[in-house]
PDB file of N, CA and C in Angstrom:
ATOM      1  N   MET A   1     -69.877 -46.337 -83.741  1.00  0.00           N
ATOM      2  CA  MET A   1     -71.390 -46.601 -83.861  1.00  0.00           C
ATOM      3  C   MET A   1     -72.149 -45.178 -83.197  1.00  0.00           C
ATOM      4  N   PRO A   2     -72.846 -44.556 -83.842  1.00  0.00           N
ATOM      5  CA  PRO A   2     -73.078 -43.424 -83.319  1.00  0.00           C
ATOM      6  C   PRO A   2     -74.137 -43.521 -82.297  1.00  0.00           C
ATOM      7  N   THR A   3     -74.165 -42.584 -81.354  1.00  0.00           N
ATOM      8  CA  THR A   3     -75.092 -42.524 -80.220  1.00  0.00           C
ATOM      9  C   THR A   3     -75.969 -41.375 -80.193  1.00  0.00           C
ATOM     10  N   HIS A   4     -77.243 -41.401 -79.393  1.00  0.00           N
ATOM     11  CA  HIS A   4     -78.012 -40.379 -79.317  1.00  0.00           C
ATOM     12  C   HIS A   4     -79.005 -40.696 -78.127  1.00  0.00           C
ATOM     13  N   CYS A   5     -79.387 -39.642 -77.312  1.00  0.00           N
ATOM     14  CA  CYS A   5     -80.266 -39.956 -76.225  1.00  0.00           C
ATOM     15  C   CYS A   5     -79.595 -40.967 -75.300  1.00  0.00           C
ATOM     16  N   GLY A   6     -78.134 -40.883 -75.263  1.00  0.00           N
ATOM     17  CA  GLY A   6     -77.643 -41.658 -74.294  1.00  0.00           C
ATOM     18  C   GLY A   6     -77.469 -43.067 -74.532  1.00  0.00           C
ATOM     19  N   ASP A   7     -77.633 -43.756 -75.737  1.00  0.00           N
ATOM     20  CA  ASP A   7     -77.844 -44.986 -76.189  1.00  0.00           C
ATOM     21  C   ASP A   7     -77.070 -45.125 -77.491  1.00  0.00           C
ATOM     22  N   VAL A   8     -76.676 -46.076 -77.954  1.00  0.00           N
ATOM     23  CA  VAL A   8     -76.418 -46.434 -79.521  1.00  0.00           C
ATOM     24  C   VAL A   8     -77.454 -46.537 -80.215  1.00  0.00           C
ATOM     25  N   GLY A   9     -77.486 -46.131 -81.654  1.00  0.00           N
ATOM     26  CA  GLY A   9     -78.284 -46.093 -82.483  1.00  0.00           C
ATOM     27  C   GLY A   9     -78.502 -47.481 -83.152  1.00  0.00           C
ATOM     28  N   VAL A  10     -79.685 -47.764 -83.584  1.00  0.00           N
ATOM     29  CA  VAL A  10     -79.958 -49.131 -84.223  1.00  0.00           C
ATOM     30  C   VAL A  10     -79.588 -49.023 -85.640  1.00  0.00           C
ATOM     31  N   TYR A  11     -78.665 -49.934 -86.088  1.00  0.00           N
ATOM     32  CA  TYR A  11     -78.328 -50.033 -87.652  1.00  0.00           C
ATOM     33  C   TYR A  11     -79.428 -50.367 -88.631  1.00  0.00           C
ATOM     34  N   LEU A  12     -79.612 -49.476 -89.544  1.00  0.00           N
ATOM     35  CA  LEU A  12     -80.626 -49.676 -90.451  1.00  0.00           C
ATOM     36  C   LEU A  12     -79.858 -50.127 -91.938  1.00  0.00           C
ATOM     37  N   GLY A  13     -78.969 -50.077 -92.063  1.00  0.00           N
ATOM     38  CA  GLY A  13     -78.212 -50.346 -93.479  1.00  0.00           C
ATOM     39  C   GLY A  13     -77.330 -49.471 -94.140  1.00  0.00           C
ATOM     40  N   GLN A  14     -77.181 -49.701 -95.182  1.00  0.00           N
ATOM     41  CA  GLN A  14     -76.089 -48.906 -96.173  1.00  0.00           C
ATOM     42  C   GLN A  14     -77.053 -48.192 -97.209  1.00  0.00           C
ATOM     43  N   PRO A  15     -77.738 -47.269 -97.090  1.00  0.00           N
ATOM     44  CA  PRO A  15     -78.697 -46.671 -98.344  1.00  0.00           C
ATOM     45  C   PRO A  15     -77.903 -46.317 -99.409  1.00  0.00           C
ATOM     46  N   THR A  16     -78.611 -46.411-100.593  1.00  0.00           N
ATOM     47  CA  THR A  16     -78.241 -45.954-101.852  1.00  0.00           C
ATOM     48  C   THR A  16     -78.616 -44.339-101.808  1.00  0.00           C
ATOM     49  N   GLY A  17     -77.760 -43.707-102.662  1.00  0.00           N
ATOM     50  CA  GLY A  17     -78.285 -42.192-102.895  1.00  0.00           C
ATOM     51  C   GLY A  17     -79.742 -41.826-102.904  1.00  0.00           C
ATOM     52  N   GLU A  18     -80.259 -42.871-103.868  1.00  0.00           N
ATOM     53  CA  GLU A  18     -81.891 -42.654-103.891  1.00  0.00           C
ATOM     54  C   GLU A  18     -82.647 -42.914-102.747  1.00  0.00           C
ATOM     55  N   GLU A  19     -81.926 -43.837-101.940  1.00  0.00           N
ATOM     56  CA  GLU A  19     -82.843 -44.122-100.779  1.00  0.00           C
ATOM     57  C   GLU A  19     -82.523 -42.873 -99.666  1.00  0.00           C
ATOM     58  N   LEU A  20     -81.230 -42.334 -99.666  1.00  0.00           N
ATOM     59  CA  LEU A  20     -81.114 -41.482 -98.714  1.00  0.00           C
ATOM     60  C   LEU A  20     -81.593 -40.185 -99.005  1.00  0.00           C
ATOM     61  N   ARG A  21     -81.756 -39.863-100.343  1.00  0.00           N
ATOM     62  CA  ARG A  21     -82.597 -38.758-100.792  1.00  0.00           C
ATOM     63  C   ARG A  21     -84.016 -38.717-100.564  1.00  0.00           C
ATOM     64  N   ALA A  22     -84.366 -39.782-100.414  1.00  0.00           N
ATOM     65  CA  ALA A  22     -85.977 -40.155-100.043  1.00  0.00           C
ATOM     66  C   ALA A  22     -86.304 -40.370 -98.554  1.00  0.00           C
ATOM     67  N   ASN A  23     -84.971 -40.154 -97.701  1.00  0.00           N
ATOM     68  CA  ASN A  23     -85.289 -39.978 -96.472  1.00  0.00           C
ATOM     69  C   ASN A  23     -84.702 -38.672 -95.889  1.00  0.00           C
ATOM     70  N   PRO A  24     -85.375 -37.474 -96.037  1.00  0.00           N
ATOM     71  CA  PRO A  24     -84.851 -36.126 -95.692  1.00  0.00           C
ATOM     72  C   PRO A  24     -84.165 -36.083 -94.380  1.00  0.00           C
ATOM     73  N   ALA A  25     -84.598 -36.824 -93.353  1.00  0.00           N
ATOM     74  CA  ALA A  25     -84.128 -36.551 -92.152  1.00  0.00           C
ATOM     75  C   ALA A  25     -82.589 -37.164 -92.222  1.00  0.00           C
ATOM     76  N   ALA A  26     -82.482 -38.264 -92.602  1.00  0.00           N
ATOM     77  CA  ALA A  26     -80.971 -38.754 -92.975  1.00  0.00           C
ATOM     78  C   ALA A  26     -80.052 -38.230 -94.008  1.00  0.00           C
ATOM     79  N   TYR A  27     -80.855 -37.718 -94.957  1.00  0.00           N
ATOM     80  CA  TYR A  27     -80.058 -36.939 -95.990  1.00  0.00           C
ATOM     81  C   TYR A  27     -79.359 -35.600 -94.989  1.00  0.00           C
ATOM     82  N   GLU A  28     -80.291 -35.142 -94.423  1.00  0.00           N
ATOM     83  CA  GLU A  28     -79.792 -33.759 -93.639  1.00  0.00           C
ATOM     84  C   GLU A  28     -78.889 -34.137 -92.593  1.00  0.00           C
ATOM     85  N   ALA A  29     -78.973 -35.247 -92.059  1.00  0.00           N
ATOM     86  CA  ALA A  29     -77.805 -35.658 -91.098  1.00  0.00           C
ATOM     87  C   ALA A  29     -76.588 -35.819 -91.578  1.00  0.00           C
ATOM     88  N   LEU A  30     -76.574 -36.396 -92.873  1.00  0.00           N
ATOM     89  CA  LEU A  30     -75.382 -36.584 -93.641  1.00  0.00           C
ATOM     90  C   LEU A  30     -74.795 -35.096 -93.991  1.00  0.00           C
ATOM     91  N   MET A  31     -75.462 -34.281 -94.404  1.00  0.00           N
ATOM     92  CA  MET A  31     -75.092 -32.898 -94.907  1.00  0.00           C
ATOM     93  C   MET A  31     -74.475 -32.221 -93.487  1.00  0.00           C
ATOM     94  N   GLU A  32     -75.288 -32.429 -92.423  1.00  0.00           N
ATOM     95  CA  GLU A  32     -74.515 -31.806 -90.922  1.00  0.00           C
ATOM     96  C   GLU A  32     -73.309 -32.311 -90.898  1.00  0.00           C
ATOM     97  N   GLU A  33     -72.983 -33.773 -91.090  1.00  0.00           N
ATOM     98  CA  GLU A  33     -72.059 -34.403 -90.599  1.00  0.00           C
ATOM     99  C   GLU A  33     -70.724 -33.913 -91.610  1.00  0.00           C
ATOM    100  N   VAL A  34     -71.053 -33.809 -92.917  1.00  0.00           N
ATOM    101  CA  VAL A  34     -69.756 -33.560 -93.510  1.00  0.00           C
ATOM    102  C   VAL A  34     -69.535 -32.089 -93.873  1.00  0.00           C
ATOM    103  N   ALA A  35     -70.273 -31.199 -93.252  1.00  0.00           N
ATOM    104  CA  ALA A  35     -70.389 -29.788 -93.287  1.00  0.00           C
ATOM    105  C   ALA A  35     -69.061 -29.333 -92.668  1.00  0.00           C
ATOM    106  N   GLN A  36     -68.341 -29.985 -91.614  1.00  0.00           N
ATOM    107  CA  GLN A  36     -67.162 -29.763 -91.288  1.00  0.00           C
ATOM    108  C   GLN A  36     -65.946 -29.913 -92.045  1.00  0.00           C
ATOM    109  N   TYR A  37     -66.118 -30.178 -93.273  1.00  0.00           N
ATOM    110  CA  TYR A  37     -65.125 -30.392 -94.102  1.00  0.00           C
ATOM    111  C   TYR A  37     -65.071 -29.650 -95.664  1.00  0.00           C
ATOM    112  N   GLU A  38     -64.294 -29.074 -95.866  1.00  0.00           N
ATOM    113  CA  GLU A  38     -64.515 -28.015 -97.096  1.00  0.00           C
ATOM    114  C   GLU A  38     -65.233 -28.740 -98.080  1.00  0.00           C
ATOM    115  N   TRP A  39     -64.852 -30.016 -98.577  1.00  0.00           N
ATOM    116  CA  TRP A  39     -65.575 -30.639 -99.652  1.00  0.00           C
ATOM    117  C   TRP A  39     -67.063 -30.900 -99.298  1.00  0.00           C
ATOM    118  N   GLY A  40     -67.358 -30.959 -98.004  1.00  0.00           N
ATOM    119  CA  GLY A  40     -69.075 -31.220 -97.687  1.00  0.00           C
ATOM    120  C   GLY A  40     -69.816 -30.170 -97.921  1.00  0.00           C
ATOM    121  N   ASN A  41     -69.010 -28.720 -98.389  1.00  0.00           N
ATOM    122  CA  ASN A  41     -69.694 -27.700 -98.628  1.00  0.00           C
ATOM    123  C   ASN A  41     -69.906 -27.441 -99.880  1.00  0.00           C
ATOM    124  N   ASP A  42     -69.353 -28.292-100.867  1.00  0.00           N
ATOM    125  CA  ASP A  42     -69.431 -28.176-102.323  1.00  0.00           C
ATOM    126  C   ASP A  42     -70.719 -28.996-102.800  1.00  0.00           C
ATOM    127  N   PRO A  43     -71.881 -28.235-103.301  1.00  0.00           N
ATOM    128  CA  PRO A  43     -72.979 -29.056-103.582  1.00  0.00           C
ATOM    129  C   PRO A  43     -72.679 -29.738-104.699  1.00  0.00           C
ATOM    130  N   GLU A  44     -71.695 -29.443-105.753  1.00  0.00           N
ATOM    131  CA  GLU A  44     -71.468 -30.449-106.976  1.00  0.00           C
ATOM    132  C   GLU A  44     -70.655 -31.695-106.555  1.00  0.00           C
ATOM    133  N   TYR A  45     -69.910 -31.621-105.466  1.00  0.00           N
ATOM    134  CA  TYR A  45     -69.132 -32.761-105.213  1.00  0.00           C
ATOM    135  C   TYR A  45     -70.304 -33.756-104.409  1.00  0.00           C
ATOM    136  N   MET A  46     -70.983 -32.888-103.333  1.00  0.00           N
ATOM    137  CA  MET A  46     -71.888 -33.716-102.890  1.00  0.00           C
ATOM    138  C   MET A  46     -73.071 -34.463-103.453  1.00  0.00           C
ATOM    139  N   ARG A  47     -73.325 -34.014-104.616  1.00  0.00           N
ATOM    140  CA  ARG A  47     -74.159 -34.611-105.512  1.00  0.00           C
ATOM    141  C   ARG A  47     -73.579 -35.884-105.888  1.00  0.00           C
ATOM    142  N   GLY A  48     -72.181 -35.909-106.585  1.00  0.00           N
ATOM    143  CA  GLY A  48     -71.669 -36.929-106.811  1.00  0.00           C
ATOM    144  C   GLY A  48     -71.476 -37.790-105.780  1.00  0.00           C
ATOM    145  N   PHE A  49     -71.092 -37.231-104.316  1.00  0.00           N
ATOM    146  CA  PHE A  49     -70.924 -38.311-103.538  1.00  0.00           C
ATOM    147  C   PHE A  49     -72.309 -39.286-103.092  1.00  0.00           C
ATOM    148  N   VAL A  50     -73.279 -38.454-103.089  1.00  0.00           N
ATOM    149  CA  VAL A  50     -74.398 -39.170-102.882  1.00  0.00           C
ATOM    150  C   VAL A  50     -74.749 -40.061-103.884  1.00  0.00           C
ATOM    151  N   ASP A  51     -74.409 -39.535-105.321  1.00  0.00           N
ATOM    152  CA  ASP A  51     -74.957 -40.584-106.371  1.00  0.00           C
ATOM    153  C   ASP A  51     -74.025 -41.734-106.571  1.00  0.00           C
ATOM    154  N   GLY A  52     -72.705 -41.669-105.799  1.00  0.00           N
ATOM    155  CA  GLY A  52     -71.863 -42.840-105.993  1.00  0.00           C
ATOM    156  C   GLY A  52     -72.036 -43.663-104.730  1.00  0.00           C
ATOM    157  N   LEU A  53     -72.712 -43.424-103.771  1.00  0.00           N
ATOM    158  CA  LEU A  53     -72.844 -44.357-102.744  1.00  0.00           C
ATOM    159  C   LEU A  53     -72.986 -45.605-103.064  1.00  0.00           C
ATOM    160  N   GLY A  54     -72.186 -46.729-102.331  1.00  0.00           N
ATOM    161  CA  GLY A  54     -72.439 -48.083-102.568  1.00  0.00           C
ATOM    162  C   GLY A  54     -71.086 -48.681-103.145  1.00  0.00           C
ATOM    163  N   GLY A  55     -69.812 -48.103-103.609  1.00  0.00           N
ATOM    164  CA  GLY A  55     -68.742 -48.348-104.157  1.00  0.00           C
ATOM    165  C   GLY A  55     -67.934 -48.322-103.001  1.00  0.00           C
ATOM    166  N   SER A  56     -66.737 -47.351-103.310  1.00  0.00           N
ATOM    167  CA  SER A  56     -65.809 -47.176-102.498  1.00  0.00           C
ATOM    168  C   SER A  56     -66.158 -45.955-101.396  1.00  0.00           C
ATOM    169  N   GLN A  57     -67.308 -45.482-101.518  1.00  0.00           N
ATOM    170  CA  GLN A  57     -68.036 -44.720-100.714  1.00  0.00           C
ATOM    171  C   GLN A  57     -69.130 -44.967-100.093  1.00  0.00           C
ATOM    172  N   VAL A  58     -69.597 -45.105 -98.831  1.00  0.00           N
ATOM    173  CA  VAL A  58     -70.847 -45.641 -98.206  1.00  0.00           C
ATOM    174  C   VAL A  58     -71.272 -44.720 -97.135  1.00  0.00           C
ATOM    175  N   VAL A  59     -72.471 -44.684 -96.847  1.00  0.00           N
ATOM    176  CA  VAL A  59     -73.190 -44.232 -95.566  1.00  0.00           C
ATOM    177  C   VAL A  59     -73.767 -45.405 -94.745  1.00  0.00           C
ATOM    178  N   TYR A  60     -73.482 -45.342 -93.505  1.00  0.00           N
ATOM    179  CA  TYR A  60     -74.179 -46.530 -92.736  1.00  0.00           C
ATOM    180  C   TYR A  60     -75.599 -45.507 -91.964  1.00  0.00           C
ATOM    181  N   LEU A  61     -76.590 -46.101 -91.968  1.00  0.00           N
ATOM    182  CA  LEU A  61     -77.681 -45.397 -91.369  1.00  0.00           C
ATOM    183  C   LEU A  61     -78.061 -45.917 -90.175  1.00  0.00           C
ATOM    184  N   PHE A  62     -78.263 -45.029 -89.059  1.00  0.00           N
ATOM    185  CA  PHE A  62     -78.631 -45.672 -87.846  1.00  0.00           C
ATOM    186  C   PHE A  62     -79.935 -44.837 -87.620  1.00  0.00           C
ATOM    187  N   GLU A  63     -80.869 -45.368 -86.573  1.00  0.00           N
ATOM    188  CA  GLU A  63     -81.721 -44.430 -85.871  1.00  0.00           C
ATOM    189  C   GLU A  63     -81.768 -44.661 -84.248  1.00  0.00           C
ATOM    190  N   CYS A  64     -82.107 -43.475 -83.606  1.00  0.00           N
ATOM    191  CA  CYS A  64     -82.059 -43.346 -82.277  1.00  0.00           C
ATOM    192  C   CYS A  64     -83.247 -44.523 -81.688  1.00  0.00           C
ATOM    193  N   ARG A  65     -83.001 -45.230 -80.933  1.00  0.00           N
ATOM    194  CA  ARG A  65     -84.133 -46.191 -80.645  1.00  0.00           C
ATOM    195  C   ARG A  65     -84.942 -45.432 -79.532  1.00  0.00           C
ATOM    196  N   HIS A  66     -84.883 -44.054 -79.186  1.00  0.00           N
ATOM    197  CA  HIS A  66     -85.785 -43.601 -78.097  1.00  0.00           C
ATOM    198  C   HIS A  66     -86.581 -42.412 -78.930  1.00  0.00           C
ATOM    199  N   CYS A  67     -85.657 -41.783 -79.852  1.00  0.00           N
ATOM    200  CA  CYS A  67     -86.313 -40.463 -80.433  1.00  0.00           C
ATOM    201  C   CYS A  67     -86.462 -40.658 -81.924  1.00  0.00           C
ATOM    202  N   GLN A  68     -86.103 -41.798 -82.471  1.00  0.00           N
ATOM    203  CA  GLN A  68     -86.040 -42.004 -83.850  1.00  0.00           C
ATOM    204  C   GLN A  68     -85.164 -41.123 -84.905  1.00  0.00           C
ATOM    205  N   ALA A  69     -84.681 -40.245 -84.340  1.00  0.00           N
ATOM    206  CA  ALA A  69     -83.477 -39.218 -85.058  1.00  0.00           C
ATOM    207  C   ALA A  69     -82.846 -40.094 -86.094  1.00  0.00           C
ATOM    208  N   GLN A  70     -82.346 -39.867 -87.095  1.00  0.00           N
ATOM    209  CA  GLN A  70     -81.504 -40.407 -88.226  1.00  0.00           C
ATOM    210  C   GLN A  70     -80.169 -40.057 -88.047  1.00  0.00           C
ATOM    211  N   LEU A  71     -79.531 -41.105 -87.802  1.00  0.00           N
ATOM    212  CA  LEU A  71     -77.779 -40.902 -87.514  1.00  0.00           C
ATOM    213  C   LEU A  71     -77.007 -41.577 -88.669  1.00  0.00           C
ATOM    214  N   VAL A  72     -75.988 -40.734 -88.888  1.00  0.00           N
ATOM    215  CA  VAL A  72     -75.389 -41.284 -90.052  1.00  0.00           C
ATOM    216  C   VAL A  72     -73.829 -41.460 -89.738  1.00  0.00           C
ATOM    217  N   GLN A  73     -73.107 -42.467 -90.474  1.00  0.00           N
ATOM    218  CA  GLN A  73     -71.593 -42.540 -90.393  1.00  0.00           C
ATOM    219  C   GLN A  73     -71.289 -42.700 -92.053  1.00  0.00           C
ATOM    220  N   TRP A  74     -70.007 -42.064 -92.226  1.00  0.00           N
ATOM    221  CA  TRP A  74     -69.791 -42.375 -93.660  1.00  0.00           C
ATOM    222  C   TRP A  74     -68.399 -42.778 -93.847  1.00  0.00           C
ATOM    223  N   ASP A  75     -68.010 -43.291 -94.758  1.00  0.00           N
ATOM    224  CA  ASP A  75     -66.672 -43.888 -95.172  1.00  0.00           C
ATOM    225  C   ASP A  75     -66.051 -43.764 -96.526  1.00  0.00           C
ATOM    226  N   LEU A  76     -64.885 -43.407 -96.823  1.00  0.00           N
ATOM    227  CA  LEU A  76     -64.394 -43.160 -98.123  1.00  0.00           C
ATOM    228  C   LEU A  76     -63.281 -44.302 -98.068  1.00  0.00           C
ATOM    229  N   ASP A  77     -62.916 -44.999 -99.253  1.00  0.00           N
ATOM    230  CA  ASP A  77     -61.848 -45.621 -99.362  1.00  0.00           C
ATOM    231  C   ASP A  77     -60.504 -44.636 -99.836  1.00  0.00           C
TER     232      ASP A  77
END
């Protein structure tokens, strides 16, 4: 579970690709999170990753209860 401002984030759910793109702060948080991986810097791969959310690849969305920062965790099977 991600933390921010010294506290755990509030779980908001598993957004679809469309929902994630509609939330610029959450989308940017995901891009920052995966930028550490080579595949995370491939725009074509990331388009497919975000489009395919909900199957074997998911993003868990959280929000900081203090400053409302969007926090993400992701998982691939």
